């Protein structure tokens, strides 16, 4: 993104200009900041439509983070939550009357899958969606690491400027927090893949025993 002192000056200049813009009283002084897919940092005194699917940081007139607006869940994440809810409902239905009922489990499997191949197709589709999320998140984590390193370098070069030291410290806290959240997201996505594989393995085993062998 910004590799030298001139880049930082341009960035700070853009922020100063935005802070000087007249805004509505309800959000006076607020500046919205987000990073696009190319790693470019954007500033605006109003939320932008193209940032609606991004994590945004809202700054006050002193340049400190006032609020962090998290990115909304992706379509794949919403689908995964809905699928997990359906599985829970099916498990509850299977447990009515007799929790160990093989007949109930068989009906559940027959409603969910047409064949063993269908189980594997669903596994592959679900896992691939999560792996795509992981790859995107890994790229974002790499960009955040580069941004962290850049700010640390600028902070080191300006040790004698208390104002810049305070600003760089604030930026570092922001970037490190975002990086920590990104890494936590990566861990959660990998854990979901692991849990998903366990569930599909169990479904495949039960499908062989309860559906295929009885047929």
Protein backbone atom coordinates (compact mmCIF):
# COMPACT_ATOMS: atom_id res chain seq x y z
CA UNK A 1 0.00 0.00 0.00
CA UNK A 2 2.10 2.91 1.31
CA UNK A 3 5.75 2.15 1.25
CA UNK A 4 7.43 5.45 2.30
CA UNK A 5 7.06 8.72 4.13
CA UNK A 6 5.44 10.44 1.14
CA UNK A 7 2.77 7.75 1.09
CA UNK A 8 2.08 8.34 4.76
CA UNK A 9 1.85 12.09 4.12
CA UNK A 10 -0.68 11.53 1.38
CA UNK A 11 -2.68 9.21 3.64
CA UNK A 12 -2.65 11.66 6.56
CA UNK A 13 -3.45 14.52 4.19
CA UNK A 14 -6.49 12.66 2.91
CA UNK A 15 -7.66 12.04 6.45
CA UNK A 16 -7.19 15.72 7.38
CA UNK A 17 -9.18 16.83 4.31
CA UNK A 18 -11.98 14.44 5.16
CA UNK A 19 -12.03 15.65 8.75
CA UNK A 20 -12.46 19.19 7.45
CA UNK A 21 -15.52 18.30 5.36
CA UNK A 22 -18.92 19.41 6.66
CA UNK A 23 -21.02 16.45 7.76
CA UNK A 24 -24.44 15.87 9.28
CA UNK A 25 -24.68 16.70 13.00
CA UNK A 26 -25.54 13.09 13.92
CA UNK A 27 -22.15 11.88 12.68
CA UNK A 28 -20.07 15.04 12.87
CA UNK A 29 -16.38 14.26 12.71
CA UNK A 30 -16.77 10.54 12.01
CA UNK A 31 -14.46 9.07 9.37
CA UNK A 32 -15.05 5.58 7.93
CA UNK A 33 -12.04 3.51 6.92
CA UNK A 34 -11.93 0.17 5.09
CA UNK A 35 -9.60 -1.94 2.92
CA UNK A 36 -10.66 -3.34 -0.47
CA UNK A 37 -9.62 -6.63 -2.17
CA UNK A 38 -6.47 -4.98 -3.56
CA UNK A 39 -5.36 -3.88 -0.12
CA UNK A 40 -6.12 -0.19 -0.82
CA UNK A 41 -7.18 1.83 2.22
CA UNK A 42 -10.24 4.06 1.74
CA UNK A 43 -11.48 6.96 3.85
CA UNK A 44 -14.89 8.64 3.71
CA UNK A 45 -17.00 10.84 5.96
CA UNK A 46 -20.04 8.65 5.19
CA UNK A 47 -20.42 4.85 4.89
CA UNK A 48 -19.95 3.80 1.27
CA UNK A 49 -22.11 1.10 -0.46
CA UNK A 50 -19.02 -0.74 -1.69
CA UNK A 51 -17.88 -1.11 1.93
CA UNK A 52 -21.11 -2.71 3.10
CA UNK A 53 -19.52 -6.18 2.99
CA UNK A 54 -16.29 -5.01 4.65
CA UNK A 55 -15.16 -4.49 8.18
CA UNK A 56 -15.03 -0.71 8.77
CA UNK A 57 -13.40 1.41 11.44
CA UNK A 58 -15.04 4.67 12.48
CA UNK A 59 -12.65 7.40 13.68
CA UNK A 60 -13.41 10.52 15.71
CA UNK A 61 -11.89 13.97 15.08
CA UNK A 62 -8.84 13.09 17.18
CA UNK A 63 -8.07 10.19 14.86
CA UNK A 64 -8.90 7.45 17.37
CA UNK A 65 -11.07 4.45 16.62
CA UNK A 66 -14.57 5.09 18.00
CA UNK A 67 -16.27 1.98 16.60
CA UNK A 68 -15.46 -1.16 14.61
CA UNK A 69 -18.28 -2.29 12.31
CA UNK A 70 -17.70 -6.00 11.54
CA UNK A 71 -18.27 -7.43 8.07
CA UNK A 72 -21.60 -9.22 7.65
CA UNK A 73 -21.57 -13.03 7.23
CA UNK A 74 -20.95 -14.29 3.70
CA UNK A 75 -23.53 -16.23 1.72
CA UNK A 76 -21.56 -19.42 2.38
CA UNK A 77 -21.58 -18.75 6.12
CA UNK A 78 -25.33 -18.10 6.11
CA UNK A 79 -25.88 -21.33 4.15
CA UNK A 80 -23.71 -23.26 6.60
CA UNK A 81 -25.67 -21.88 9.58
CA UNK A 82 -28.96 -22.79 7.90
CA UNK A 83 -27.67 -26.31 7.18
CA UNK A 84 -26.54 -26.75 10.77
CA UNK A 85 -29.98 -25.63 11.94
CA UNK A 86 -31.64 -28.17 9.63
CA UNK A 87 -29.38 -30.91 10.98
CA UNK A 88 -30.30 -29.96 14.56
CA UNK A 89 -34.00 -30.07 13.70
CA UNK A 90 -33.58 -33.45 12.02
CA UNK A 91 -31.67 -34.77 15.02
CA UNK A 92 -34.42 -33.55 17.34
CA UNK A 93 -37.07 -35.16 15.14
CA UNK A 94 -35.11 -38.40 15.12
CA UNK A 95 -34.97 -38.38 18.89
CA UNK A 96 -38.72 -38.05 19.45
CA UNK A 97 -40.10 -41.14 21.16
CA UNK A 98 -36.89 -43.16 20.92
CA UNK A 99 -33.47 -41.51 20.70
CA UNK A 100 -31.85 -44.69 19.40
CA UNK A 101 -34.46 -45.44 16.75
CA UNK A 102 -32.74 -46.75 13.65
CA UNK A 103 -35.91 -46.24 11.67
CA UNK A 104 -35.91 -42.53 12.49
CA UNK A 105 -32.25 -42.27 11.56
CA UNK A 106 -32.89 -44.05 8.28
CA UNK A 107 -35.71 -41.66 7.39
CA UNK A 108 -33.47 -38.74 8.20
CA UNK A 109 -30.71 -40.02 5.91
CA UNK A 110 -33.11 -40.81 3.08
CA UNK A 111 -34.50 -37.28 3.23
CA UNK A 112 -31.03 -35.76 3.21
CA UNK A 113 -29.25 -37.92 0.60
CA UNK A 114 -30.00 -39.91 -2.53
CA UNK A 115 -26.81 -41.97 -2.41
CA UNK A 116 -23.31 -42.20 -0.96
CA UNK A 117 -22.14 -40.12 -3.90
CA UNK A 118 -24.59 -37.41 -2.84
CA UNK A 119 -23.05 -37.39 0.63
CA UNK A 120 -19.61 -36.86 -0.87
CA UNK A 121 -20.87 -34.19 -3.25
CA UNK A 122 -22.42 -32.26 -0.38
CA UNK A 123 -19.24 -32.68 1.66
CA UNK A 124 -17.08 -31.41 -1.20
CA UNK A 125 -19.37 -28.42 -1.85
CA UNK A 126 -19.53 -27.38 1.80
CA UNK A 127 -15.82 -27.89 2.46
CA UNK A 128 -14.85 -26.04 -0.73
CA UNK A 129 -16.96 -23.03 0.27
CA UNK A 130 -15.21 -22.86 3.64
CA UNK A 131 -11.79 -23.37 2.06
CA UNK A 132 -12.51 -20.45 -0.28
CA UNK A 133 -13.29 -18.33 2.78
CA UNK A 134 -10.02 -19.45 4.34
CA UNK A 135 -8.00 -18.48 1.27
CA UNK A 136 -9.58 -15.02 1.17
CA UNK A 137 -8.99 -14.58 4.89
CA UNK A 138 -5.37 -15.69 4.57
CA UNK A 139 -4.78 -13.04 1.88
CA UNK A 140 -6.39 -10.42 4.10
CA UNK A 141 -4.20 -11.52 7.03
CA UNK A 142 -1.11 -11.15 4.81
CA UNK A 143 -2.17 -7.63 3.85
CA UNK A 144 -2.72 -6.75 7.50
CA UNK A 145 0.73 -8.09 8.38
CA UNK A 146 2.29 -5.91 5.68
CA UNK A 147 0.33 -2.91 6.95
CA UNK A 148 1.46 -3.65 10.53
CA UNK A 149 5.10 -3.88 9.43
CA UNK A 150 4.82 -0.61 7.49
CA UNK A 151 3.37 1.26 10.46
CA UNK A 152 5.99 -0.18 12.81
CA UNK A 153 8.71 1.00 10.44
CA UNK A 154 7.22 4.51 10.22
CA UNK A 155 6.89 4.64 14.00
CA UNK A 156 10.54 3.66 14.39
CA UNK A 157 11.62 6.42 11.96
CA UNK A 158 9.72 9.12 13.83
CA UNK A 159 10.70 8.45 17.45
CA UNK A 160 11.17 12.16 18.16
CA UNK A 161 7.65 13.18 17.12
CA UNK A 162 5.17 12.55 19.99
CA UNK A 163 2.19 13.33 17.77
CA UNK A 164 3.18 10.79 15.14
CA UNK A 165 4.08 8.26 17.83
CA UNK A 166 0.58 8.54 19.26
CA UNK A 167 -1.03 8.20 15.85
CA UNK A 168 1.12 5.24 14.83
CA UNK A 169 0.40 3.54 18.16
CA UNK A 170 -3.33 3.98 17.53
CA UNK A 171 -2.99 2.58 14.00
CA UNK A 172 -0.95 -0.36 15.24
CA UNK A 173 -3.56 -1.19 17.87
CA UNK A 174 -6.23 -1.12 15.18
CA UNK A 175 -4.28 -3.29 12.73
CA UNK A 176 -3.23 -5.80 15.38
CA UNK A 177 -6.83 -6.11 16.53
CA UNK A 178 -8.02 -6.74 12.98
CA UNK A 179 -5.23 -9.26 12.44
CA UNK A 180 -6.17 -11.09 15.63
CA UNK A 181 -9.81 -11.24 14.53
CA UNK A 182 -8.77 -12.50 11.09
CA UNK A 183 -6.68 -15.28 12.61
CA UNK A 184 -9.52 -16.18 14.96
CA UNK A 185 -11.83 -16.38 11.96
CA UNK A 186 -9.36 -18.70 10.21
CA UNK A 187 -9.28 -20.98 13.25
CA UNK A 188 -13.09 -21.09 13.39
CA UNK A 189 -13.37 -21.93 9.70
CA UNK A 190 -10.86 -24.79 10.02
CA UNK A 191 -12.70 -26.10 13.09
CA UNK A 192 -15.95 -26.05 11.12
CA UNK A 193 -14.32 -28.08 8.33
CA UNK A 194 -13.11 -30.64 10.87
CA UNK A 195 -16.55 -30.90 12.49
CA UNK A 196 -18.20 -31.12 9.10
CA UNK A 197 -15.98 -34.02 8.03
CA UNK A 198 -16.81 -35.89 11.23
CA UNK A 199 -20.53 -35.41 10.58
CA UNK A 200 -20.33 -36.49 6.94
CA UNK A 201 -18.26 -39.53 7.90
CA UNK A 202 -20.97 -40.52 10.39
CA UNK A 203 -23.70 -39.94 7.80
CA UNK A 204 -21.87 -42.07 5.24
CA UNK A 205 -21.35 -44.92 7.71
CA UNK A 206 -24.99 -44.89 8.82
CA UNK A 207 -26.19 -44.62 5.23
CA UNK A 208 -24.29 -47.80 4.33
CA UNK A 209 -25.65 -49.70 7.33
CA UNK A 210 -29.23 -48.44 7.47
CA UNK A 211 -30.11 -47.65 3.88
CA UNK A 212 -27.90 -49.66 1.53
CA UNK A 213 -27.65 -52.90 3.52
CA UNK A 214 -31.40 -53.03 4.24
CA UNK A 215 -32.15 -52.47 0.56
